[in-house]
Amino acid sequence: MDSSITGQDVTEEYIDLESRLKSKQTVESRLLSFMEQAEKTEDLLAISKDLAKVQEEIETIKGRMNYLENKADLATVTISIEENKVEVKNLGDSQLKTWEKTKEQFKKSINFLISAFSSLFIFLIGYLPLFFLLGIIAFIIIFIIRKRIKREG
């Protein structure tokens, strides 16, 4: 009987995400207070840029946390049990027939070779007019190219 059990504990990752979220939220609140105190436009733009980056990271962390929560809520348990049983029948001498099987396989391989060569022959004969036409076109092209080479050289 075979059995396998797999699972993934996401508790550690979730706790890590919670602490990162708290840290990012602290940074966000500091940036908001700096933004209120900023007097120059350049400072305001720099703080705004940093704030947008931190808020994006907060949203990413929240999204991952929601995913982990939903993954845990929608956990699927699949149980599969199989029994492997192999039965070997006692083969008598009459059932082996190794020589007969060998002769039969040899006949099959000869028939395959004959069939393959026959198919190749039919293919070549069937496309002979096309090959002939392509040969004439190739001959004319080669003749023209050689004539131009002699003229230029």
N, C-alpha and C. Protein backbone atom coordinates (compact mmCIF):
# COMPACT_ATOMS: atom_id res chain seq x y z
N MET A 1 0.85 -1.16 0.00
CA MET A 1 0.00 0.00 0.00
C MET A 1 0.90 1.24 0.00
N ASP A 2 0.63 2.16 -0.90
CA ASP A 2 1.39 3.41 -1.00
C ASP A 2 0.60 4.55 -0.40
N SER A 3 1.30 5.44 0.26
CA SER A 3 0.63 6.64 0.76
C SER A 3 1.63 7.79 0.74
N SER A 4 1.11 8.98 0.53
CA SER A 4 1.97 10.16 0.59
C SER A 4 1.17 11.32 1.16
N ILE A 5 1.85 12.13 1.94
CA ILE A 5 1.21 13.27 2.58
C ILE A 5 2.07 14.50 2.29
N THR A 6 1.44 15.53 1.77
CA THR A 6 2.17 16.77 1.52
C THR A 6 1.39 17.93 2.11
N GLY A 7 2.10 18.95 2.51
CA GLY A 7 1.46 20.13 3.06
C GLY A 7 2.46 21.26 3.13
N GLN A 8 1.94 22.43 3.39
CA GLN A 8 2.82 23.60 3.48
C GLN A 8 2.31 24.48 4.61
N ASP A 9 3.18 24.70 5.58
CA ASP A 9 2.83 25.55 6.70
C ASP A 9 3.25 26.97 6.35
N VAL A 10 2.28 27.87 6.27
CA VAL A 10 2.56 29.26 5.89
C VAL A 10 2.53 30.19 7.10
N THR A 11 2.50 29.63 8.30
CA THR A 11 2.42 30.44 9.51
C THR A 11 3.61 31.38 9.63
N GLU A 12 4.80 30.85 9.41
CA GLU A 12 6.01 31.66 9.54
C GLU A 12 6.01 32.82 8.54
N GLU A 13 5.63 32.53 7.31
CA GLU A 13 5.58 33.58 6.29
C GLU A 13 4.53 34.63 6.66
N TYR A 14 3.39 34.20 7.17
CA TYR A 14 2.31 35.12 7.53
C TYR A 14 2.76 36.05 8.67
N ILE A 15 3.41 35.48 9.68
CA ILE A 15 3.90 36.29 10.81
C ILE A 15 4.94 37.29 10.33
N ASP A 16 5.82 36.86 9.44
CA ASP A 16 6.83 37.76 8.87
C ASP A 16 6.15 38.90 8.10
N LEU A 17 5.11 38.57 7.35
CA LEU A 17 4.38 39.60 6.61
C LEU A 17 3.71 40.60 7.56
N GLU A 18 3.17 40.09 8.67
CA GLU A 18 2.54 40.99 9.66
C GLU A 18 3.55 41.99 10.21
N SER A 19 4.74 41.51 10.56
CA SER A 19 5.74 42.42 11.13
C SER A 19 6.23 43.41 10.07
N ARG A 20 6.38 42.96 8.84
CA ARG A 20 6.79 43.88 7.76
C ARG A 20 5.70 44.92 7.51
N LEU A 21 4.43 44.49 7.60
CA LEU A 21 3.32 45.42 7.39
C LEU A 21 3.33 46.51 8.47
N LYS A 22 3.52 46.10 9.73
CA LYS A 22 3.56 47.09 10.83
C LYS A 22 4.70 48.07 10.62
N SER A 23 5.85 47.56 10.21
CA SER A 23 7.01 48.41 9.98
C SER A 23 6.74 49.41 8.85
N LYS A 24 6.16 48.95 7.77
CA LYS A 24 5.86 49.82 6.63
C LYS A 24 4.79 50.86 7.00
N GLN A 25 3.82 50.46 7.82
CA GLN A 25 2.78 51.41 8.24
C GLN A 25 3.38 52.49 9.13
N THR A 26 4.36 52.13 9.94
CA THR A 26 5.05 53.12 10.77
C THR A 26 5.79 54.12 9.89
N VAL A 27 6.49 53.59 8.88
CA VAL A 27 7.20 54.47 7.94
C VAL A 27 6.20 55.37 7.21
N GLU A 28 5.05 54.81 6.83
CA GLU A 28 4.03 55.60 6.14
C GLU A 28 3.54 56.76 7.02
N SER A 29 3.28 56.49 8.29
CA SER A 29 2.79 57.56 9.17
C SER A 29 3.86 58.63 9.37
N ARG A 30 5.13 58.23 9.45
CA ARG A 30 6.21 59.21 9.58
C ARG A 30 6.29 60.09 8.33
N LEU A 31 6.19 59.45 7.16
CA LEU A 31 6.24 60.22 5.92
C LEU A 31 5.07 61.18 5.81
N LEU A 32 3.90 60.76 6.27
CA LEU A 32 2.74 61.66 6.25
C LEU A 32 2.96 62.87 7.16
N SER A 33 3.58 62.63 8.32
CA SER A 33 3.84 63.76 9.23
C SER A 33 4.92 64.68 8.64
N PHE A 34 5.93 64.10 7.98
CA PHE A 34 6.94 64.92 7.31
C PHE A 34 6.30 65.75 6.20
N MET A 35 5.34 65.13 5.52
CA MET A 35 4.68 65.81 4.41
C MET A 35 3.91 67.04 4.91
N GLU A 36 3.30 66.92 6.07
CA GLU A 36 2.56 68.05 6.65
C GLU A 36 3.50 69.18 7.06
N GLN A 37 4.73 68.81 7.45
CA GLN A 37 5.68 69.80 7.92
C GLN A 37 6.53 70.39 6.79
N ALA A 38 6.49 69.76 5.60
CA ALA A 38 7.34 70.21 4.49
C ALA A 38 6.93 71.60 4.03
N GLU A 39 7.95 72.42 3.77
CA GLU A 39 7.70 73.79 3.34
C GLU A 39 8.09 74.00 1.88
N LYS A 40 9.08 73.27 1.42
CA LYS A 40 9.54 73.41 0.04
C LYS A 40 8.83 72.40 -0.87
N THR A 41 8.66 72.81 -2.10
CA THR A 41 8.02 71.93 -3.09
C THR A 41 8.88 70.70 -3.37
N GLU A 42 10.21 70.90 -3.41
CA GLU A 42 11.13 69.79 -3.67
C GLU A 42 11.02 68.74 -2.58
N ASP A 43 10.96 69.20 -1.32
CA ASP A 43 10.83 68.27 -0.20
C ASP A 43 9.50 67.52 -0.29
N LEU A 44 8.46 68.26 -0.64
CA LEU A 44 7.13 67.66 -0.76
C LEU A 44 7.10 66.59 -1.84
N LEU A 45 7.75 66.86 -2.98
CA LEU A 45 7.80 65.88 -4.07
C LEU A 45 8.61 64.64 -3.68
N ALA A 46 9.74 64.84 -3.01
CA ALA A 46 10.57 63.71 -2.59
C ALA A 46 9.83 62.84 -1.59
N ILE A 47 9.18 63.49 -0.62
CA ILE A 47 8.42 62.73 0.38
C ILE A 47 7.25 62.01 -0.28
N SER A 48 6.60 62.67 -1.22
CA SER A 48 5.46 62.06 -1.93
C SER A 48 5.90 60.82 -2.71
N LYS A 49 7.08 60.91 -3.32
CA LYS A 49 7.61 59.77 -4.07
C LYS A 49 7.89 58.59 -3.13
N ASP A 50 8.55 58.88 -2.00
CA ASP A 50 8.84 57.83 -1.01
C ASP A 50 7.55 57.25 -0.44
N LEU A 51 6.57 58.11 -0.20
CA LEU A 51 5.29 57.66 0.35
C LEU A 51 4.58 56.72 -0.62
N ALA A 52 4.61 57.05 -1.90
CA ALA A 52 3.96 56.20 -2.91
C ALA A 52 4.62 54.82 -2.94
N LYS A 53 5.95 54.80 -2.83
CA LYS A 53 6.68 53.52 -2.83
C LYS A 53 6.30 52.68 -1.61
N VAL A 54 6.26 53.30 -0.45
CA VAL A 54 5.91 52.58 0.79
C VAL A 54 4.47 52.08 0.72
N GLN A 55 3.56 52.91 0.20
CA GLN A 55 2.16 52.48 0.10
C GLN A 55 2.00 51.31 -0.87
N GLU A 56 2.79 51.33 -1.93
CA GLU A 56 2.76 50.20 -2.87
C GLU A 56 3.24 48.92 -2.19
N GLU A 57 4.30 49.03 -1.39
CA GLU A 57 4.80 47.86 -0.66
C GLU A 57 3.77 47.37 0.35
N ILE A 58 3.07 48.29 1.00
CA ILE A 58 2.02 47.91 1.96
C ILE A 58 0.92 47.13 1.24
N GLU A 59 0.51 47.61 0.08
CA GLU A 59 -0.54 46.92 -0.68
C GLU A 59 -0.08 45.53 -1.12
N THR A 60 1.19 45.41 -1.51
CA THR A 60 1.73 44.11 -1.90
C THR A 60 1.70 43.14 -0.72
N ILE A 61 2.12 43.61 0.44
CA ILE A 61 2.13 42.77 1.64
C ILE A 61 0.70 42.35 2.00
N LYS A 62 -0.23 43.31 1.97
CA LYS A 62 -1.63 42.98 2.29
C LYS A 62 -2.19 41.97 1.29
N GLY A 63 -1.84 42.12 0.02
CA GLY A 63 -2.32 41.17 -0.98
C GLY A 63 -1.81 39.77 -0.72
N ARG A 64 -0.52 39.66 -0.36
CA ARG A 64 0.05 38.35 -0.06
C ARG A 64 -0.60 37.75 1.19
N MET A 65 -0.85 38.59 2.18
CA MET A 65 -1.50 38.09 3.40
C MET A 65 -2.91 37.59 3.10
N ASN A 66 -3.66 38.34 2.28
CA ASN A 66 -5.00 37.89 1.89
C ASN A 66 -4.94 36.58 1.13
N TYR A 67 -3.95 36.46 0.26
CA TYR A 67 -3.80 35.21 -0.50
C TYR A 67 -3.55 34.04 0.44
N LEU A 68 -2.66 34.23 1.42
CA LEU A 68 -2.36 33.15 2.36
C LEU A 68 -3.58 32.81 3.21
N GLU A 69 -4.35 33.82 3.61
CA GLU A 69 -5.57 33.57 4.39
C GLU A 69 -6.58 32.78 3.57
N ASN A 70 -6.78 33.18 2.32
CA ASN A 70 -7.73 32.47 1.46
C ASN A 70 -7.25 31.07 1.14
N LYS A 71 -5.95 30.93 0.98
CA LYS A 71 -5.39 29.61 0.69
C LYS A 71 -5.65 28.67 1.87
N ALA A 72 -5.51 29.19 3.07
CA ALA A 72 -5.76 28.37 4.26
C ALA A 72 -7.25 28.09 4.41
N ASP A 73 -8.10 29.08 4.09
CA ASP A 73 -9.55 28.90 4.21
C ASP A 73 -10.06 27.89 3.19
N LEU A 74 -9.48 27.88 2.03
CA LEU A 74 -9.95 27.00 0.96
C LEU A 74 -9.06 25.78 0.79
N ALA A 75 -8.45 25.34 1.87
CA ALA A 75 -7.55 24.19 1.79
C ALA A 75 -8.32 22.96 1.32
N THR A 76 -7.68 22.21 0.48
CA THR A 76 -8.28 20.99 -0.05
C THR A 76 -7.48 19.80 0.45
N VAL A 77 -8.18 18.83 0.94
CA VAL A 77 -7.53 17.61 1.40
C VAL A 77 -7.94 16.50 0.45
N THR A 78 -6.96 15.89 -0.15
CA THR A 78 -7.22 14.79 -1.07
C THR A 78 -6.55 13.55 -0.51
N ILE A 79 -7.34 12.52 -0.36
CA ILE A 79 -6.82 11.26 0.15
C ILE A 79 -6.95 10.22 -0.95
N SER A 80 -5.85 9.59 -1.23
CA SER A 80 -5.84 8.57 -2.27
C SER A 80 -5.10 7.36 -1.73
N ILE A 81 -5.80 6.24 -1.71
CA ILE A 81 -5.20 5.00 -1.21
C ILE A 81 -5.27 3.96 -2.32
N GLU A 82 -4.14 3.37 -2.60
CA GLU A 82 -4.09 2.33 -3.63
C GLU A 82 -3.37 1.12 -3.06
N GLU A 83 -3.85 -0.01 -3.44
CA GLU A 83 -3.19 -1.24 -3.04
C GLU A 83 -2.53 -1.82 -4.27
N ASN A 84 -1.23 -1.99 -4.18
CA ASN A 84 -0.49 -2.57 -5.29
C ASN A 84 -0.36 -4.07 -5.06
N LYS A 85 -0.93 -4.79 -5.98
CA LYS A 85 -0.89 -6.24 -5.86
C LYS A 85 -0.50 -6.82 -7.21
N VAL A 86 0.53 -7.60 -7.21
CA VAL A 86 1.00 -8.19 -8.45
C VAL A 86 0.85 -9.70 -8.34
N GLU A 87 0.15 -10.25 -9.30
CA GLU A 87 -0.02 -11.69 -9.33
C GLU A 87 0.78 -12.24 -10.51
N VAL A 88 1.55 -13.25 -10.25
CA VAL A 88 2.33 -13.89 -11.30
C VAL A 88 1.81 -15.31 -11.46
N LYS A 89 1.33 -15.58 -12.68
CA LYS A 89 0.84 -16.94 -12.93
C LYS A 89 2.01 -17.84 -13.28
N ASN A 90 1.85 -19.07 -12.99
CA ASN A 90 2.87 -20.05 -13.34
C ASN A 90 2.74 -20.37 -14.82
N LEU A 91 3.78 -20.10 -15.58
CA LEU A 91 3.75 -20.36 -17.01
C LEU A 91 4.32 -21.74 -17.29
N GLY A 92 3.58 -22.48 -18.02
CA GLY A 92 4.06 -23.80 -18.42
C GLY A 92 4.88 -23.69 -19.70
N ASP A 93 5.49 -24.79 -20.11
CA ASP A 93 6.31 -24.79 -21.32
C ASP A 93 5.48 -24.48 -22.56
N SER A 94 4.21 -24.86 -22.55
CA SER A 94 3.37 -24.66 -23.73
C SER A 94 3.05 -23.18 -23.96
N GLN A 95 3.13 -22.36 -22.93
CA GLN A 95 2.77 -20.95 -23.07
C GLN A 95 3.95 -20.07 -23.50
N LEU A 96 5.17 -20.52 -23.34
CA LEU A 96 6.32 -19.68 -23.67
C LEU A 96 6.48 -19.50 -25.18
N LYS A 97 6.66 -20.53 -25.92
CA LYS A 97 6.79 -20.51 -27.38
C LYS A 97 7.72 -19.41 -27.86
N THR A 98 8.91 -19.35 -27.31
CA THR A 98 9.86 -18.30 -27.64
C THR A 98 10.26 -18.34 -29.10
N TRP A 99 10.53 -19.51 -29.63
CA TRP A 99 10.99 -19.62 -31.02
C TRP A 99 9.90 -19.16 -31.99
N GLU A 100 8.66 -19.53 -31.73
CA GLU A 100 7.56 -19.12 -32.60
C GLU A 100 7.39 -17.59 -32.56
N LYS A 101 7.50 -17.02 -31.37
CA LYS A 101 7.38 -15.57 -31.25
C LYS A 101 8.52 -14.86 -31.97
N THR A 102 9.72 -15.42 -31.91
CA THR A 102 10.87 -14.84 -32.60
C THR A 102 10.67 -14.87 -34.11
N LYS A 103 10.20 -16.00 -34.63
CA LYS A 103 9.95 -16.11 -36.08
C LYS A 103 8.87 -15.11 -36.51
N GLU A 104 7.84 -14.99 -35.72
CA GLU A 104 6.75 -14.07 -36.05
C GLU A 104 7.24 -12.62 -36.07
N GLN A 105 8.06 -12.26 -35.10
CA GLN A 105 8.60 -10.90 -35.06
C GLN A 105 9.52 -10.64 -36.25
N PHE A 106 10.31 -11.64 -36.66
CA PHE A 106 11.19 -11.50 -37.82
C PHE A 106 10.36 -11.26 -39.08
N LYS A 107 9.26 -12.00 -39.22
CA LYS A 107 8.38 -11.82 -40.37
C LYS A 107 7.79 -10.41 -40.38
N LYS A 108 7.40 -9.93 -39.22
CA LYS A 108 6.84 -8.58 -39.13
C LYS A 108 7.87 -7.53 -39.54
N SER A 109 9.13 -7.70 -39.12
CA SER A 109 10.15 -6.72 -39.48
C SER A 109 10.46 -6.75 -40.97
N ILE A 110 10.46 -7.93 -41.60
CA ILE A 110 10.67 -8.04 -43.05
C ILE A 110 9.50 -7.37 -43.77
N ASN A 111 8.28 -7.64 -43.33
CA ASN A 111 7.10 -7.01 -43.95
C ASN A 111 7.16 -5.48 -43.82
N PHE A 112 7.64 -5.00 -42.69
CA PHE A 112 7.76 -3.56 -42.51
C PHE A 112 8.76 -2.97 -43.49
N LEU A 113 9.92 -3.62 -43.65
CA LEU A 113 10.93 -3.12 -44.59
C LEU A 113 10.39 -3.11 -46.01
N ILE A 114 9.70 -4.17 -46.42
CA ILE A 114 9.13 -4.23 -47.77
C ILE A 114 8.10 -3.12 -47.94
N SER A 115 7.27 -2.91 -46.95
CA SER A 115 6.26 -1.87 -47.01
C SER A 115 6.91 -0.48 -47.09
N ALA A 116 7.97 -0.26 -46.33
CA ALA A 116 8.64 1.04 -46.34
C ALA A 116 9.27 1.32 -47.70
N PHE A 117 9.98 0.33 -48.26
CA PHE A 117 10.59 0.52 -49.58
C PHE A 117 9.53 0.69 -50.66
N SER A 118 8.43 -0.02 -50.53
CA SER A 118 7.34 0.12 -51.49
C SER A 118 6.75 1.53 -51.44
N SER A 119 6.54 2.04 -50.24
CA SER A 119 6.01 3.40 -50.09
C SER A 119 6.98 4.44 -50.65
N LEU A 120 8.28 4.24 -50.42
CA LEU A 120 9.29 5.16 -50.95
C LEU A 120 9.28 5.14 -52.48
N PHE A 121 9.20 3.95 -53.07
CA PHE A 121 9.17 3.81 -54.53
C PHE A 121 7.94 4.50 -55.11
N ILE A 122 6.78 4.29 -54.49
CA ILE A 122 5.54 4.93 -54.97
C ILE A 122 5.64 6.45 -54.85
N PHE A 123 6.23 6.92 -53.77
CA PHE A 123 6.41 8.36 -53.59
C PHE A 123 7.29 8.94 -54.69
N LEU A 124 8.42 8.29 -54.95
CA LEU A 124 9.34 8.80 -55.97
C LEU A 124 8.70 8.79 -57.35
N ILE A 125 8.02 7.72 -57.71
CA ILE A 125 7.37 7.63 -59.02
C ILE A 125 6.23 8.64 -59.12
N GLY A 126 5.47 8.79 -58.06
CA GLY A 126 4.34 9.71 -58.06
C GLY A 126 4.77 11.16 -58.23
N TYR A 127 5.90 11.53 -57.67
CA TYR A 127 6.37 12.91 -57.75
C TYR A 127 7.43 13.10 -58.84
N LEU A 128 7.66 12.10 -59.67
CA LEU A 128 8.65 12.19 -60.74
C LEU A 128 8.40 13.38 -61.67
N PRO A 129 7.16 13.64 -62.11
CA PRO A 129 6.95 14.81 -62.97
C PRO A 129 7.33 16.13 -62.28
N LEU A 130 7.03 16.23 -61.01
CA LEU A 130 7.39 17.43 -60.27
C LEU A 130 8.91 17.56 -60.16
N PHE A 131 9.59 16.45 -59.83
CA PHE A 131 11.05 16.46 -59.76
C PHE A 131 11.65 16.83 -61.11
N PHE A 132 11.08 16.33 -62.20
CA PHE A 132 11.56 16.62 -63.55
C PHE A 132 11.43 18.11 -63.84
N LEU A 133 10.27 18.69 -63.51
CA LEU A 133 10.03 20.11 -63.74
C LEU A 133 10.99 20.96 -62.90
N LEU A 134 11.17 20.60 -61.63
CA LEU A 134 12.11 21.34 -60.77
C LEU A 134 13.54 21.22 -61.29
N GLY A 135 13.91 20.07 -61.85
CA GLY A 135 15.23 19.88 -62.43
C GLY A 135 15.46 20.78 -63.63
N ILE A 136 14.45 20.91 -64.49
CA ILE A 136 14.57 21.79 -65.66
C ILE A 136 14.73 23.24 -65.21
N ILE A 137 13.92 23.66 -64.23
CA ILE A 137 14.02 25.04 -63.72
C ILE A 137 15.40 25.28 -63.11
N ALA A 138 15.90 24.34 -62.34
CA ALA A 138 17.23 24.48 -61.74
C ALA A 138 18.30 24.55 -62.82
N PHE A 139 18.18 23.73 -63.87
CA PHE A 139 19.15 23.73 -64.97
C PHE A 139 19.17 25.10 -65.66
N ILE A 140 17.99 25.67 -65.91
CA ILE A 140 17.90 26.97 -66.58
C ILE A 140 18.52 28.06 -65.70
N ILE A 141 18.23 28.03 -64.40
CA ILE A 141 18.79 29.03 -63.49
C ILE A 141 20.31 28.93 -63.43
N ILE A 142 20.83 27.71 -63.34
CA ILE A 142 22.29 27.52 -63.30
C ILE A 142 22.91 27.99 -64.61
N PHE A 143 22.27 27.68 -65.74
CA PHE A 143 22.78 28.09 -67.05
C PHE A 143 22.86 29.61 -67.14
N ILE A 144 21.82 30.31 -66.67
CA ILE A 144 21.79 31.78 -66.72
C ILE A 144 22.86 32.37 -65.81
N ILE A 145 23.01 31.81 -64.62
CA ILE A 145 24.02 32.32 -63.68
C ILE A 145 25.42 32.14 -64.24
N ARG A 146 25.72 30.98 -64.82
CA ARG A 146 27.05 30.74 -65.40
C ARG A 146 27.31 31.68 -66.57
N LYS A 147 26.28 31.93 -67.37
CA LYS A 147 26.43 32.82 -68.52
C LYS A 147 26.76 34.23 -68.05
N ARG A 148 26.10 34.71 -66.97
CA ARG A 148 26.38 36.04 -66.44
C ARG A 148 27.77 36.12 -65.83
N ILE A 149 28.19 35.05 -65.17
CA ILE A 149 29.53 35.03 -64.57
C ILE A 149 30.59 35.12 -65.65
N LYS A 150 30.40 34.40 -66.78
CA LYS A 150 31.38 34.45 -67.87
C LYS A 150 31.42 35.83 -68.50
N ARG A 151 30.24 36.48 -68.62
CA ARG A 151 30.16 37.81 -69.20
C ARG A 151 30.87 38.84 -68.33
N GLU A 152 30.68 38.74 -67.01
CA GLU A 152 31.28 39.70 -66.08
C GLU A 152 32.77 39.44 -65.88
N GLY A 153 33.17 38.18 -65.99
CA GLY A 153 34.56 37.83 -65.71
C GLY A 153 35.43 37.93 -66.87
